[in-house]
């Protein structure tokens, strides 16, 4: 059971990572070459965040980083949707729906992995 949840989390993590990079590539196509440094820096931060999430949550069976993600991600995503609506980005609604669906799928799997990692930590203390 634990390994199945961990496997499901890893799949959702990889799906989220690929979808986010695909969305960033879509955005990059619309930018000027002069903004390349900003895009490269943003991409580096996303990669660092993804590695930190994988290492802390999956490899080390951690709970603190997962808890932080489960609190920050919904707040950030609601803020993103509010910004999209405010900016009138309704032409990108299929992308928004995909973005939100992937985030919900990932968040649910983070919650499951958090529970598994908490149980794992309790068992290792005994």
Protein backbone atom coordinates (compact mmCIF):
# COMPACT_ATOMS: atom_id res chain seq x y z
CA UNK A 1 0.00 0.00 0.00
CA UNK A 2 2.74 2.47 0.93
CA UNK A 3 4.72 1.79 -2.21
CA UNK A 4 1.62 2.22 -4.37
CA UNK A 5 0.97 5.66 -2.85
CA UNK A 6 4.62 6.63 -3.28
CA UNK A 7 4.52 5.46 -6.91
CA UNK A 8 1.30 7.42 -7.53
CA UNK A 9 2.87 10.55 -6.01
CA UNK A 10 5.94 10.18 -8.21
CA UNK A 11 3.76 9.89 -11.31
CA UNK A 12 1.76 12.99 -10.32
CA UNK A 13 5.02 14.83 -9.61
CA UNK A 14 6.41 13.97 -13.04
CA UNK A 15 3.14 14.88 -14.78
CA UNK A 16 3.10 18.22 -12.97
CA UNK A 17 6.73 18.87 -13.85
CA UNK A 18 6.21 18.09 -17.54
CA UNK A 19 2.98 20.11 -17.77
CA UNK A 20 4.55 23.10 -16.02
CA UNK A 21 7.54 23.05 -18.36
CA UNK A 22 5.24 22.73 -21.37
CA UNK A 23 3.31 25.77 -20.17
CA UNK A 24 6.54 27.68 -19.63
CA UNK A 25 7.69 26.77 -23.15
CA UNK A 26 4.38 28.05 -24.48
CA UNK A 27 4.95 31.32 -22.62
CA UNK A 28 8.59 31.52 -23.74
CA UNK A 29 7.53 31.37 -27.39
CA UNK A 30 5.63 34.63 -26.86
CA UNK A 31 8.57 36.45 -25.25
CA UNK A 32 11.32 38.48 -26.82
CA UNK A 33 14.86 37.19 -26.89
CA UNK A 34 15.90 40.09 -24.65
CA UNK A 35 13.96 38.51 -21.77
CA UNK A 36 15.96 35.28 -22.02
CA UNK A 37 17.88 35.84 -18.77
CA UNK A 38 14.68 36.25 -16.77
CA UNK A 39 13.21 33.11 -18.34
CA UNK A 40 16.40 31.13 -17.70
CA UNK A 41 16.44 32.22 -14.07
CA UNK A 42 12.78 31.30 -13.62
CA UNK A 43 13.36 27.91 -15.22
CA UNK A 44 16.34 27.31 -12.92
CA UNK A 45 14.24 28.14 -9.86
CA UNK A 46 11.48 25.78 -10.99
CA UNK A 47 14.05 23.01 -11.52
CA UNK A 48 15.59 23.63 -8.10
CA UNK A 49 12.16 23.58 -6.49
CA UNK A 50 11.29 20.33 -8.28
CA UNK A 51 14.54 18.70 -7.17
CA UNK A 52 14.00 19.86 -3.57
CA UNK A 53 10.46 18.47 -3.60
CA UNK A 54 11.60 15.12 -4.98
CA UNK A 55 14.54 14.84 -2.60
CA UNK A 56 12.79 15.92 0.59
CA UNK A 57 9.40 14.30 0.04
CA UNK A 58 10.22 11.14 -1.90
CA UNK A 59 13.82 10.17 -1.24
CA UNK A 60 14.01 11.24 2.41
CA UNK A 61 10.37 10.50 3.34
CA UNK A 62 10.01 14.01 4.70
CA UNK A 63 6.86 15.75 5.85
CA UNK A 64 7.85 19.38 6.44
CA UNK A 65 8.38 20.27 2.78
CA UNK A 66 5.19 18.44 1.80
CA UNK A 67 3.24 20.34 4.44
CA UNK A 68 4.67 23.61 3.14
CA UNK A 69 3.68 22.65 -0.42
CA UNK A 70 0.16 21.70 0.66
CA UNK A 71 -0.30 25.11 2.28
CA UNK A 72 1.43 27.31 -0.31
CA UNK A 73 0.29 25.65 -3.57
CA UNK A 74 -3.46 26.27 -3.16
CA UNK A 75 -2.87 29.88 -2.14
CA UNK A 76 -0.57 30.45 -5.11
CA UNK A 77 -2.90 28.77 -7.58
CA UNK A 78 -5.93 30.75 -6.41
CA UNK A 79 -3.83 33.91 -6.79
CA UNK A 80 -2.85 32.83 -10.33
CA UNK A 81 -6.48 32.22 -11.33
CA UNK A 82 -7.53 35.59 -9.89
CA UNK A 83 -4.75 37.25 -11.91
CA UNK A 84 -5.79 35.45 -15.10
CA UNK A 85 -9.42 36.48 -14.62
CA UNK A 86 -8.43 40.06 -13.77
CA UNK A 87 -6.17 40.27 -16.84
CA UNK A 88 -8.90 38.85 -19.07
CA UNK A 89 -6.90 35.81 -20.16
CA UNK A 90 -10.05 33.89 -21.07
CA UNK A 91 -8.58 32.81 -24.40
CA UNK A 92 -6.28 30.51 -22.43
CA UNK A 93 -9.06 28.75 -20.52
CA UNK A 94 -8.13 25.22 -21.73
CA UNK A 95 -4.62 25.82 -20.43
CA UNK A 96 -6.04 27.13 -17.14
CA UNK A 97 -8.23 24.06 -16.71
CA UNK A 98 -5.29 21.75 -17.42
CA UNK A 99 -3.12 23.73 -15.02
CA UNK A 100 -5.69 23.54 -12.22
CA UNK A 101 -6.48 19.85 -12.80
CA UNK A 102 -2.80 18.89 -12.64
CA UNK A 103 -2.33 20.93 -9.47
CA UNK A 104 -5.35 19.30 -7.77
CA UNK A 105 -4.11 15.83 -8.77
CA UNK A 106 -0.65 16.64 -7.42
CA UNK A 107 -2.03 18.16 -4.20
CA UNK A 108 -4.17 15.09 -3.45
CA UNK A 109 -1.14 12.85 -3.97
CA UNK A 110 0.95 15.13 -1.74
CA UNK A 111 -1.64 14.66 0.99
CA UNK A 112 -1.49 10.88 0.59
CA UNK A 113 2.32 10.90 0.61
CA UNK A 114 2.31 13.15 3.67
CA UNK A 115 0.22 10.57 5.54
CA UNK A 116 2.46 7.72 4.40
CA UNK A 117 5.65 9.59 5.33
CA UNK A 118 4.18 10.48 8.73
CA UNK A 119 3.42 6.82 9.40
CA UNK A 120 6.87 5.86 8.17
CA UNK A 121 8.52 8.34 10.55
CA UNK A 122 6.42 7.11 13.49
CA UNK A 123 7.36 3.50 12.74
CA UNK A 124 11.07 4.35 12.54
CA UNK A 125 10.99 6.11 15.91
CA UNK A 126 9.76 2.98 17.67
